[in-house]
Amino acid sequence: MTRGHRRPTPTKLKLLRGNPGRRPLPENEPQIPAGIPEMPKHLNRIAKQEWRRIMPELARVGLLTRIDGTALAAYCDCYAQWAEACRKLRKTGMLVRGTKGDPLINPLLKIANQAVDRMRMYLIEFGMTPASRSKTKAAPKPEERGDAEAYFDWVSAREN
């Protein structure tokens, strides 16, 4: 991506990072209350396990709203595809025999790589990679700050 076409960072993530660019934060950005999205029923067993693993952590730092369920479910689906492809790769190996008996790269490797690329996109969006996490300051513990919205309102007021 070129420098002028970067995807905007969510304001809550900027606040957790301490607004390192010191750019003005959007004034009229829609404020969606923090909340726990409902886990979609269509997720398979592996995707549901991943949802249950990461959702509480994202909610704890106030990065989830009820409408983020679709993006979180898409990440969990990608995770499940990657995990399944890796499981099958362990059984079949990186190379398979073609129709003429020649060795070919296992198509499962492409599936795994594509899933991990899509996962990475969602991981960055939710601040779940080491690089994106290193730019994020931990929010005070809930008992120290009251509810998440009050905390973000307080931080926003301090910056203005």
Protein backbone atom coordinates (compact mmCIF):
# COMPACT_ATOMS: atom_id res chain seq x y z
CA MET A 1 0.00 0.00 0.00
CA THR A 2 1.22 3.48 -0.69
CA ARG A 3 1.54 5.93 2.10
CA GLY A 4 -1.50 8.02 1.14
CA HIS A 5 -3.83 5.01 0.99
CA ARG A 6 -3.53 3.50 4.45
CA ARG A 7 -6.67 2.24 6.05
CA PRO A 8 -7.68 4.51 8.95
CA THR A 9 -6.98 3.21 12.44
CA PRO A 10 -10.11 2.91 14.62
CA THR A 11 -10.31 5.79 17.10
CA LYS A 12 -10.52 3.48 20.12
CA LEU A 13 -7.30 1.77 19.00
CA LYS A 14 -5.68 5.20 18.55
CA LEU A 15 -6.72 6.11 22.08
CA LEU A 16 -5.27 2.89 23.50
CA ARG A 17 -2.03 3.68 21.64
CA GLY A 18 -1.97 7.18 23.07
CA ASN A 19 -2.66 8.82 19.67
CA PRO A 20 1.03 8.61 18.65
CA GLY A 21 0.51 10.72 15.50
CA ARG A 22 -1.03 13.50 17.61
CA ARG A 23 -3.49 14.14 14.80
CA PRO A 24 -6.90 15.47 15.78
CA LEU A 25 -9.36 12.71 16.50
CA PRO A 26 -12.63 12.69 14.57
CA GLU A 27 -15.22 14.89 16.25
CA ASN A 28 -18.38 13.52 14.69
CA GLU A 29 -17.45 9.85 14.55
CA PRO A 30 -20.43 7.64 15.38
CA GLN A 31 -20.12 6.39 18.93
CA ILE A 32 -21.15 2.78 19.17
CA PRO A 33 -21.28 1.53 22.76
CA ALA A 34 -18.89 -1.22 23.74
CA GLY A 35 -20.60 -4.57 23.86
CA ILE A 36 -20.32 -8.27 23.31
CA PRO A 37 -21.40 -9.44 19.86
CA GLU A 38 -23.44 -12.59 19.60
CA MET A 39 -21.53 -15.60 18.26
CA PRO A 40 -23.03 -16.64 14.90
CA LYS A 41 -24.50 -20.11 14.82
CA HIS A 42 -22.90 -20.96 11.46
CA LEU A 43 -19.36 -21.11 12.87
CA ASN A 44 -17.85 -24.59 12.97
CA ARG A 45 -16.38 -26.12 16.13
CA ILE A 46 -12.85 -24.74 15.60
CA ALA A 47 -14.13 -21.24 14.76
CA LYS A 48 -16.34 -21.26 17.88
CA GLN A 49 -13.36 -22.26 20.04
CA GLU A 50 -11.34 -19.36 18.62
CA TRP A 51 -14.26 -16.97 19.20
CA ARG A 52 -14.46 -18.05 22.85
CA ARG A 53 -10.69 -17.66 23.21
CA ILE A 54 -10.29 -14.13 21.84
CA MET A 55 -13.65 -12.41 22.36
CA PRO A 56 -13.24 -11.93 26.14
CA GLU A 57 -9.81 -10.36 25.66
CA LEU A 58 -11.04 -7.93 23.01
CA ALA A 59 -14.05 -7.06 25.14
CA ARG A 60 -11.84 -6.54 28.20
CA VAL A 61 -9.93 -3.72 26.50
CA GLY A 62 -13.11 -2.19 25.04
CA LEU A 63 -12.37 -2.97 21.38
CA LEU A 64 -15.67 -4.74 20.67
CA THR A 65 -19.15 -3.51 19.96
CA ARG A 66 -22.20 -5.60 19.21
CA ILE A 67 -21.83 -4.87 15.47
CA ASP A 68 -18.25 -6.20 15.33
CA GLY A 69 -19.53 -9.77 15.34
CA THR A 70 -19.34 -10.13 11.56
CA ALA A 71 -15.67 -9.13 11.38
CA LEU A 72 -14.83 -11.31 14.37
CA ALA A 73 -16.73 -14.25 12.86
CA ALA A 74 -14.89 -13.79 9.55
CA TYR A 75 -11.57 -13.90 11.42
CA CYS A 76 -12.67 -17.06 13.25
CA ASP A 77 -13.72 -18.67 9.95
CA CYS A 78 -10.30 -17.88 8.48
CA TYR A 79 -8.67 -19.32 11.59
CA ALA A 80 -10.70 -22.53 11.26
CA GLN A 81 -9.80 -22.87 7.57
CA TRP A 82 -6.13 -22.40 8.38
CA ALA A 83 -6.23 -24.88 11.26
CA GLU A 84 -8.02 -27.50 9.14
CA ALA A 85 -5.63 -27.07 6.20
CA CYS A 86 -2.64 -27.39 8.55
CA ARG A 87 -4.11 -30.54 10.12
CA LYS A 88 -4.58 -32.12 6.71
CA LEU A 89 -1.12 -31.00 5.57
CA ARG A 90 0.44 -32.84 8.51
CA LYS A 91 -1.23 -36.03 7.25
CA THR A 92 -0.57 -35.62 3.52
CA GLY A 93 2.69 -33.69 3.47
CA MET A 94 3.81 -30.63 1.52
CA LEU A 95 4.13 -32.55 -1.74
CA VAL A 96 1.57 -34.78 -3.47
CA ARG A 97 1.75 -36.86 -6.62
CA GLY A 98 0.25 -35.37 -9.78
CA THR A 99 -1.77 -37.38 -12.31
CA LYS A 100 1.46 -38.41 -14.05
CA GLY A 101 3.16 -39.29 -10.79
CA ASP A 102 5.27 -36.15 -10.66
CA PRO A 103 5.62 -34.34 -7.30
CA LEU A 104 3.45 -31.24 -6.91
CA ILE A 105 3.03 -28.73 -4.13
CA ASN A 106 0.03 -29.77 -2.07
CA PRO A 107 -2.97 -27.48 -2.85
CA LEU A 108 -3.68 -27.43 0.89
CA LEU A 109 -0.59 -25.26 1.28
CA LYS A 110 -2.22 -22.55 -0.86
CA ILE A 111 -5.42 -22.81 1.19
CA ALA A 112 -3.45 -22.46 4.45
CA ASN A 113 -1.44 -19.51 3.14
CA GLN A 114 -4.53 -17.68 1.87
CA ALA A 115 -6.33 -18.22 5.17
CA VAL A 116 -3.37 -16.90 7.15
CA ASP A 117 -3.20 -13.80 4.93
CA ARG A 118 -6.88 -13.08 5.60
CA MET A 119 -6.37 -13.82 9.31
CA ARG A 120 -3.51 -11.32 9.46
CA MET A 121 -5.78 -8.59 8.09
CA TYR A 122 -8.35 -9.20 10.85
CA LEU A 123 -5.69 -9.61 13.52
CA ILE A 124 -4.29 -6.17 12.69
CA GLU A 125 -7.79 -4.64 12.63
CA PHE A 126 -8.43 -5.89 16.15
CA GLY A 127 -4.91 -5.06 17.43
CA MET A 128 -3.96 -8.73 17.90
CA THR A 129 -0.50 -8.90 16.31
CA PRO A 130 2.74 -8.24 18.21
CA ALA A 131 3.39 -5.12 16.08
CA SER A 132 -0.11 -3.69 16.50
CA ARG A 133 -0.08 -4.60 20.21
CA SER A 134 3.27 -2.88 20.74
CA LYS A 135 1.62 0.35 19.64
CA THR A 136 -1.24 -0.11 22.11
CA LYS A 137 -1.26 0.98 25.72
CA ALA A 138 -3.15 -1.23 28.13
CA ALA A 139 -6.34 0.29 29.44
CA PRO A 140 -6.76 0.57 33.19
CA LYS A 141 -8.44 -2.41 34.81
CA PRO A 142 -12.25 -2.16 34.81
CA GLU A 143 -12.43 -1.69 38.58
CA GLU A 144 -10.16 1.34 38.21
CA ARG A 145 -12.09 3.04 35.44
CA GLY A 146 -15.76 2.22 35.62
CA ASP A 147 -17.24 1.38 32.24
CA ALA A 148 -15.28 1.49 29.00
CA GLU A 149 -17.19 4.40 27.50
CA ALA A 150 -16.50 6.65 30.48
CA TYR A 151 -12.81 5.89 30.13
CA PHE A 152 -12.70 6.70 26.41
CA ASP A 153 -14.71 9.89 26.99
CA TRP A 154 -12.18 10.91 29.67
CA VAL A 155 -9.21 10.22 27.38
CA SER A 156 -10.85 12.09 24.51
CA ALA A 157 -11.55 15.10 26.75
CA ARG A 158 -7.91 15.21 27.89
CA GLU A 159 -6.68 15.27 24.29
CA ASN A 160 -8.93 18.22 23.35
